[in-house]
Amino acid sequence: MPKTDEDIAKGFALGDESCLAAAYRRWGSLVYAVAGRALGDAEEAKDIAQQVFIGAWRGRAGFEPSKGTLLAWLMGITRYKIADALEQRSRRRRDLEAISATAVEVPRLEDAVPQVIVDQLLVRDCLADLTPAQRRVLEMAFFDDLTQIQIAERTGWPLGTVKTHARRGLIALKRRLEEVDGAAQ
């Protein structure tokens, strides 16, 4: 187990994994603290600390103990990782600002279409849920403005059947409209 900073640095440069672990134990909290102060985000600071040690390990061939300490090299990597994180943040912010600046506000259906048309569309949609006979009777009654007697004459159905379809259709229509109204609130 390496004892001194120099032993850790030499072993690290030679690819000794125990020196990587020793470097992390010795300087990991410092890297985390510097990243945390610079970024103001504990989770992002953890990510940076991890990236620093992974990057240092992968790039250990570029570390020369004769030119400086391992701590100085790690802190240099930390500064670059922090700068990258801040640039990424800035880029995301610029992208979001650009998107919001070009976003077109879509009018709500209620604002763009008169309420009468919205109501008609809603009723037609609810009518689609009825049986074909109920839908036919109610459409003839409301859209063609026919009486139940006239509907019976046009369809050839008995008046009682027309009345039954009208009543059941209105009950189903009322229930469906209440569901739609309850969901909208």
Protein backbone atom coordinates (compact mmCIF):
# COMPACT_ATOMS: atom_id res chain seq x y z
CA MET A 1 0.00 0.00 0.00
CA PRO A 2 1.56 3.32 -1.06
CA LYS A 3 2.21 5.75 1.77
CA THR A 4 3.38 9.04 0.28
CA ASP A 5 1.94 11.26 -2.45
CA GLU A 6 5.02 10.48 -4.56
CA ASP A 7 4.50 6.71 -4.17
CA ILE A 8 0.85 7.10 -5.19
CA ALA A 9 1.81 9.24 -8.20
CA LYS A 10 4.50 6.81 -9.43
CA GLY A 11 2.26 3.79 -9.00
CA PHE A 12 -0.64 5.61 -10.67
CA ALA A 13 1.53 6.46 -13.70
CA LEU A 14 2.58 2.79 -13.94
CA GLY A 15 -1.06 1.59 -13.87
CA ASP A 16 -1.22 0.27 -10.31
CA GLU A 17 -4.94 0.14 -9.44
CA SER A 18 -4.23 0.29 -5.71
CA CYS A 19 -2.68 3.72 -6.36
CA LEU A 20 -5.86 4.82 -8.14
CA ALA A 21 -7.86 3.76 -5.07
CA ALA A 22 -5.36 5.54 -2.79
CA ALA A 23 -5.56 8.70 -4.91
CA TYR A 24 -9.36 8.63 -4.73
CA ARG A 25 -9.32 8.17 -0.95
CA ARG A 26 -6.79 10.94 -0.51
CA TRP A 27 -8.13 13.57 -2.96
CA GLY A 28 -11.64 12.50 -3.95
CA SER A 29 -13.32 14.68 -1.34
CA LEU A 30 -11.26 17.70 -2.41
CA VAL A 31 -12.23 17.20 -6.07
CA TYR A 32 -15.88 16.82 -4.99
CA ALA A 33 -15.73 19.98 -2.82
CA VAL A 34 -14.18 22.09 -5.59
CA ALA A 35 -16.76 20.85 -8.11
CA GLY A 36 -19.58 21.39 -5.63
CA ARG A 37 -18.53 24.96 -4.93
CA ALA A 38 -18.15 25.78 -8.61
CA LEU A 39 -21.39 24.13 -9.75
CA GLY A 40 -23.65 24.57 -6.72
CA ASP A 41 -25.14 21.12 -7.26
CA ALA A 42 -24.15 18.13 -5.12
CA GLU A 43 -25.28 15.50 -7.64
CA GLU A 44 -23.45 17.18 -10.48
CA ALA A 45 -20.36 17.48 -8.25
CA LYS A 46 -20.47 13.71 -7.62
CA ASP A 47 -20.61 13.12 -11.37
CA ILE A 48 -17.67 15.47 -11.94
CA ALA A 49 -15.58 13.77 -9.23
CA GLN A 50 -16.25 10.40 -10.82
CA GLN A 51 -15.44 11.73 -14.30
CA VAL A 52 -12.17 13.23 -13.04
CA PHE A 53 -10.87 9.96 -11.65
CA ILE A 54 -12.09 7.87 -14.59
CA GLY A 55 -10.59 10.38 -17.03
CA ALA A 56 -7.33 10.51 -15.07
CA TRP A 57 -7.07 6.73 -15.00
CA ARG A 58 -7.76 6.40 -18.71
CA GLY A 59 -5.32 9.20 -19.53
CA ARG A 60 -2.66 8.21 -17.02
CA ALA A 61 -0.11 7.84 -19.84
CA GLY A 62 -0.20 11.63 -20.10
CA PHE A 63 0.71 12.10 -16.44
CA GLU A 64 4.42 12.63 -15.77
CA PRO A 65 5.31 12.69 -12.05
CA SER A 66 8.53 14.55 -12.83
CA LYS A 67 6.55 17.56 -14.16
CA GLY A 68 4.16 18.00 -11.22
CA THR A 69 2.16 16.37 -8.48
CA LEU A 70 -0.71 13.99 -9.07
CA LEU A 71 -2.94 16.33 -7.06
CA ALA A 72 -2.13 19.27 -9.36
CA TRP A 73 -2.84 17.10 -12.40
CA LEU A 74 -6.17 15.93 -10.91
CA MET A 75 -7.13 19.52 -10.09
CA GLY A 76 -6.36 20.53 -13.69
CA ILE A 77 -8.68 17.78 -14.93
CA THR A 78 -11.27 18.96 -12.39
CA ARG A 79 -11.13 22.52 -13.76
CA TYR A 80 -11.67 21.24 -17.31
CA LYS A 81 -14.58 19.01 -16.26
CA ILE A 82 -16.20 21.90 -14.37
CA ALA A 83 -15.75 24.19 -17.39
CA ASP A 84 -17.34 21.51 -19.61
CA ALA A 85 -20.29 21.14 -17.21
CA LEU A 86 -20.83 24.91 -17.07
CA GLU A 87 -20.63 25.17 -20.87
CA GLN A 88 -23.16 22.35 -21.20
CA ARG A 89 -25.46 24.14 -18.77
CA SER A 90 -25.09 27.36 -20.71
CA ARG A 91 -25.76 25.56 -24.01
CA ARG A 92 -28.91 23.92 -22.58
CA ARG A 93 -30.11 27.31 -21.31
CA ARG A 94 -29.49 28.94 -24.71
CA ASP A 95 -31.28 26.07 -26.46
CA LEU A 96 -34.29 26.39 -24.15
CA GLU A 97 -34.38 30.16 -24.62
CA ALA A 98 -34.22 29.73 -28.39
CA ILE A 99 -37.02 27.18 -28.31
CA SER A 100 -39.22 29.38 -26.12
CA ALA A 101 -38.52 32.43 -28.27
CA THR A 102 -39.64 30.62 -31.40
CA ALA A 103 -42.50 28.74 -29.79
CA VAL A 104 -45.84 29.66 -31.24
CA GLU A 105 -48.63 29.88 -28.74
CA VAL A 106 -51.37 27.53 -29.81
CA PRO A 107 -54.78 28.96 -29.03
CA ARG A 108 -57.02 26.85 -26.88
CA LEU A 109 -59.94 25.28 -28.70
CA GLU A 110 -62.36 27.25 -26.55
CA ASP A 111 -60.70 30.54 -27.61
CA ALA A 112 -60.44 29.72 -31.32
CA VAL A 113 -63.87 28.18 -31.94
CA PRO A 114 -67.23 29.58 -30.84
CA GLN A 115 -68.74 27.64 -27.93
CA VAL A 116 -71.78 26.64 -30.00
CA ILE A 117 -69.55 24.74 -32.43
CA VAL A 118 -67.65 23.09 -29.56
CA ASP A 119 -70.98 22.01 -28.06
CA GLN A 120 -72.17 20.61 -31.38
CA LEU A 121 -68.97 18.64 -31.83
CA LEU A 122 -69.25 17.31 -28.30
CA VAL A 123 -72.87 16.23 -28.81
CA ARG A 124 -71.99 14.54 -32.12
CA ASP A 125 -69.13 12.70 -30.42
CA CYS A 126 -71.43 11.55 -27.63
CA LEU A 127 -74.09 10.51 -30.14
CA ALA A 128 -71.53 8.19 -31.72
CA ASP A 129 -71.57 6.14 -28.49
CA LEU A 130 -75.30 5.40 -28.76
CA THR A 131 -76.86 2.42 -30.50
CA PRO A 132 -77.61 3.06 -34.18
CA ALA A 133 -81.39 3.16 -33.52
CA GLN A 134 -81.05 5.60 -30.59
CA ARG A 135 -78.68 7.80 -32.60
CA ARG A 136 -81.03 7.81 -35.63
CA VAL A 137 -84.06 8.81 -33.55
CA LEU A 138 -82.22 11.59 -31.70
CA GLU A 139 -80.59 12.96 -34.85
CA MET A 140 -83.98 13.08 -36.60
CA ALA A 141 -85.52 14.76 -33.56
CA PHE A 142 -82.85 17.38 -32.99
CA PHE A 143 -81.12 17.96 -36.32
CA ASP A 144 -84.12 17.41 -38.62
CA ASP A 145 -86.58 18.90 -36.07
CA LEU A 146 -89.05 16.02 -36.45
CA THR A 147 -91.68 14.94 -33.91
CA GLN A 148 -91.77 11.37 -32.64
CA ILE A 149 -94.83 10.71 -34.82
CA GLN A 150 -92.99 11.97 -37.91
CA ILE A 151 -89.96 9.81 -37.00
CA ALA A 152 -92.23 6.76 -36.68
CA GLU A 153 -93.75 7.50 -40.10
CA ARG A 154 -90.33 7.95 -41.78
CA THR A 155 -88.72 4.90 -40.18
CA GLY A 156 -91.75 2.63 -40.26
CA TRP A 157 -91.23 1.83 -36.58
CA PRO A 158 -94.09 1.76 -34.09
CA LEU A 159 -94.47 5.00 -32.10
CA GLY A 160 -93.70 3.15 -28.83
CA THR A 161 -90.38 1.92 -30.27
CA VAL A 162 -89.43 5.47 -31.33
CA LYS A 163 -90.31 6.77 -27.84
CA THR A 164 -88.25 3.99 -26.19
CA HIS A 165 -85.21 4.69 -28.39
CA ALA A 166 -85.55 8.43 -27.72
CA ARG A 167 -85.82 7.97 -23.94
CA ARG A 168 -82.94 5.47 -23.66
CA GLY A 169 -80.82 7.53 -26.03
CA LEU A 170 -81.39 10.72 -23.99
CA ILE A 171 -80.49 8.91 -20.76
CA ALA A 172 -77.29 7.51 -22.31
CA LEU A 173 -76.47 10.90 -23.86
CA LYS A 174 -76.98 12.67 -20.51
CA ARG A 175 -74.73 10.15 -18.75
CA ARG A 176 -72.01 10.54 -21.40
CA LEU A 177 -72.15 14.35 -21.29
CA GLU A 178 -71.87 14.27 -17.51
CA GLU A 179 -68.76 12.08 -17.83
CA VAL A 180 -67.22 14.51 -20.31
CA ASP A 181 -68.12 17.50 -18.13
CA GLY A 182 -66.68 15.77 -15.03
CA ALA A 183 -63.43 14.98 -16.84
CA ALA A 184 -63.06 18.59 -18.03
CA GLN A 185 -63.20 19.98 -14.50
